[in-house]
Amino acid sequence: MVDSFTFFSSISKLQKLTTFKYNEECFFKKSEKKFNIKFSKLNKIVFICNKKDDPDLSLLSLYDKQNLSNNFINSFPNYPSAYQNINEIELVNYEDFLEKLKQEDYDYEYSDIYNGKDIFFKCDIYN
């Protein structure tokens, strides 16, 4: 769990940051502090999903991941204004994520994701 205020305000000062890579197990704690950040050269975000054979050490349920995760770009601080220069969002091992989601979704609550309507929890691709 990473404090979003400290983390994003710090990395926004990196003038040469062009690519931001992080894993699905990286969670950003929402901050009550208001802050305005801007990434001048950031043009690519790489979101790395776990491989289907990787052990799941987080012990979070799908419900927890949906409601507590806040780890996709649409939940980042100052979204979308701070990320205007993003040209590419790369999803690594996304097929493995979808396969694991289908196996664990007993109530079909997340069918919008594996049917292609959404990309990740609380992320409408049409927005």
Protein backbone atom coordinates (compact mmCIF):
# COMPACT_ATOMS: atom_id res chain seq x y z
CA MET A 1 0.00 0.00 0.00
CA VAL A 2 1.56 3.25 -1.16
CA ASP A 3 0.51 6.72 -0.02
CA SER A 4 -0.68 8.38 -3.21
CA PHE A 5 0.12 11.95 -2.12
CA THR A 6 3.74 11.21 -1.30
CA PHE A 7 4.31 8.90 -4.24
CA PHE A 8 2.69 10.88 -7.06
CA SER A 9 3.90 14.27 -5.89
CA SER A 10 7.44 12.85 -5.77
CA ILE A 11 7.47 11.13 -9.16
CA SER A 12 5.81 14.11 -10.87
CA LYS A 13 9.02 16.04 -10.14
CA LEU A 14 11.10 13.61 -12.20
CA GLN A 15 11.68 15.55 -15.39
CA LYS A 16 12.88 12.58 -17.45
CA LEU A 17 10.14 10.11 -16.48
CA THR A 18 8.65 8.80 -19.73
CA THR A 19 7.36 5.37 -18.68
CA PHE A 20 5.63 4.36 -15.47
CA LYS A 21 5.54 0.58 -14.79
CA TYR A 22 3.79 -1.05 -11.88
CA ASN A 23 2.25 -4.36 -10.88
CA GLU A 24 -1.41 -5.11 -10.10
CA GLU A 25 -0.34 -5.84 -6.52
CA CYS A 26 0.68 -2.20 -6.05
CA PHE A 27 -2.15 -0.34 -4.31
CA PHE A 28 -2.40 3.41 -3.85
CA LYS A 29 -4.00 4.69 -0.66
CA LYS A 30 -6.24 7.64 -1.41
CA SER A 31 -5.06 10.85 0.13
CA GLU A 32 -7.28 13.48 1.70
CA LYS A 33 -4.74 16.12 0.71
CA LYS A 34 -5.52 18.10 -2.41
CA PHE A 35 -2.63 18.40 -4.83
CA ASN A 36 -2.08 19.35 -8.40
CA ILE A 37 0.46 17.35 -10.37
CA LYS A 38 1.54 17.38 -13.99
CA PHE A 39 3.74 14.91 -15.83
CA SER A 40 5.56 16.75 -18.58
CA LYS A 41 7.20 13.82 -20.40
CA LEU A 42 5.25 10.76 -19.19
CA ASN A 43 3.81 9.14 -22.31
CA LYS A 44 3.43 5.44 -21.42
CA ILE A 45 1.98 3.49 -18.52
CA VAL A 46 2.66 -0.24 -18.20
CA PHE A 47 0.27 -2.18 -15.97
CA ILE A 48 1.67 -5.64 -15.21
CA CYS A 49 -0.82 -8.34 -14.25
CA ASN A 50 0.32 -11.46 -12.48
CA LYS A 51 0.78 -14.57 -14.55
CA LYS A 52 -1.85 -17.23 -14.03
CA ASP A 53 0.67 -19.56 -12.38
CA ASP A 54 2.04 -16.91 -10.00
CA PRO A 55 0.98 -17.39 -6.39
CA ASP A 56 -1.58 -14.87 -5.17
CA LEU A 57 -0.01 -13.56 -1.99
CA SER A 58 -2.30 -10.56 -1.54
CA LEU A 59 -5.18 -12.59 -0.04
CA LEU A 60 -7.63 -10.04 -1.43
CA SER A 61 -10.93 -11.25 -2.81
CA LEU A 62 -12.29 -10.00 -6.13
CA TYR A 63 -14.62 -7.73 -4.14
CA ASP A 64 -11.63 -6.25 -2.31
CA LYS A 65 -9.74 -5.73 -5.54
CA GLN A 66 -12.73 -3.97 -7.05
CA ASN A 67 -13.50 -1.72 -4.09
CA LEU A 68 -10.15 -1.15 -2.43
CA SER A 69 -7.55 -1.38 -5.14
CA ASN A 70 -7.47 2.13 -6.68
CA ASN A 71 -4.56 1.01 -8.82
CA PHE A 72 -5.61 1.70 -12.39
CA ILE A 73 -4.94 5.02 -14.15
CA ASN A 74 -8.51 6.31 -13.74
CA SER A 75 -8.03 6.37 -9.94
CA PHE A 76 -4.71 8.24 -10.01
CA PRO A 77 -4.62 11.77 -8.58
CA ASN A 78 -5.60 14.54 -11.00
CA TYR A 79 -6.91 12.05 -13.56
CA PRO A 80 -7.28 12.85 -16.46
CA SER A 81 -5.69 16.31 -16.52
CA ALA A 82 -2.26 15.22 -15.21
CA TYR A 83 -1.96 12.45 -17.83
CA GLN A 84 -2.69 14.33 -21.04
CA ASN A 85 0.60 13.23 -22.64
CA ILE A 86 -0.11 9.50 -22.25
CA ASN A 87 -0.01 7.90 -25.69
CA GLU A 88 -0.01 4.26 -24.65
CA ILE A 89 -1.26 2.05 -21.84
CA GLU A 90 0.33 -1.39 -22.05
CA LEU A 91 -1.30 -4.31 -20.25
CA VAL A 92 1.19 -7.14 -19.60
CA ASN A 93 -0.19 -10.65 -18.91
CA TYR A 94 -3.72 -9.32 -19.33
CA GLU A 95 -4.97 -12.62 -20.78
CA ASP A 96 -3.83 -14.37 -17.59
CA PHE A 97 -5.72 -11.79 -15.52
CA LEU A 98 -8.90 -12.42 -17.53
CA GLU A 99 -8.54 -16.19 -17.20
CA LYS A 100 -8.09 -15.99 -13.42
CA LEU A 101 -11.03 -13.59 -13.17
CA LYS A 102 -13.32 -15.97 -15.07
CA GLN A 103 -12.32 -18.86 -12.81
CA GLU A 104 -12.95 -16.92 -9.60
CA ASP A 105 -16.12 -15.07 -10.68
CA TYR A 106 -18.74 -17.50 -9.42
CA ASP A 107 -21.59 -14.96 -9.45
CA TYR A 108 -20.71 -13.40 -12.83
CA GLU A 109 -20.36 -9.98 -11.19
CA TYR A 110 -17.32 -9.08 -13.31
CA SER A 111 -18.56 -10.29 -16.69
CA ASP A 112 -18.25 -6.75 -18.11
CA ILE A 113 -14.48 -7.12 -17.80
CA TYR A 114 -14.04 -10.48 -19.51
CA ASN A 115 -16.72 -9.65 -22.09
CA GLY A 116 -14.70 -6.62 -23.19
CA LYS A 117 -16.90 -3.79 -21.87
CA ASP A 118 -14.41 -2.73 -19.17
CA ILE A 119 -10.65 -3.13 -18.91
CA PHE A 120 -10.21 -3.41 -15.15
CA PHE A 121 -12.22 -2.89 -11.97
CA LYS A 122 -14.11 0.42 -12.08
CA CYS A 123 -12.60 1.39 -15.44
CA ASP A 124 -15.08 2.03 -18.24
CA ILE A 125 -13.19 1.86 -21.55
CA TYR A 126 -15.58 4.34 -23.13
CA ASN A 127 -14.43 7.05 -20.73
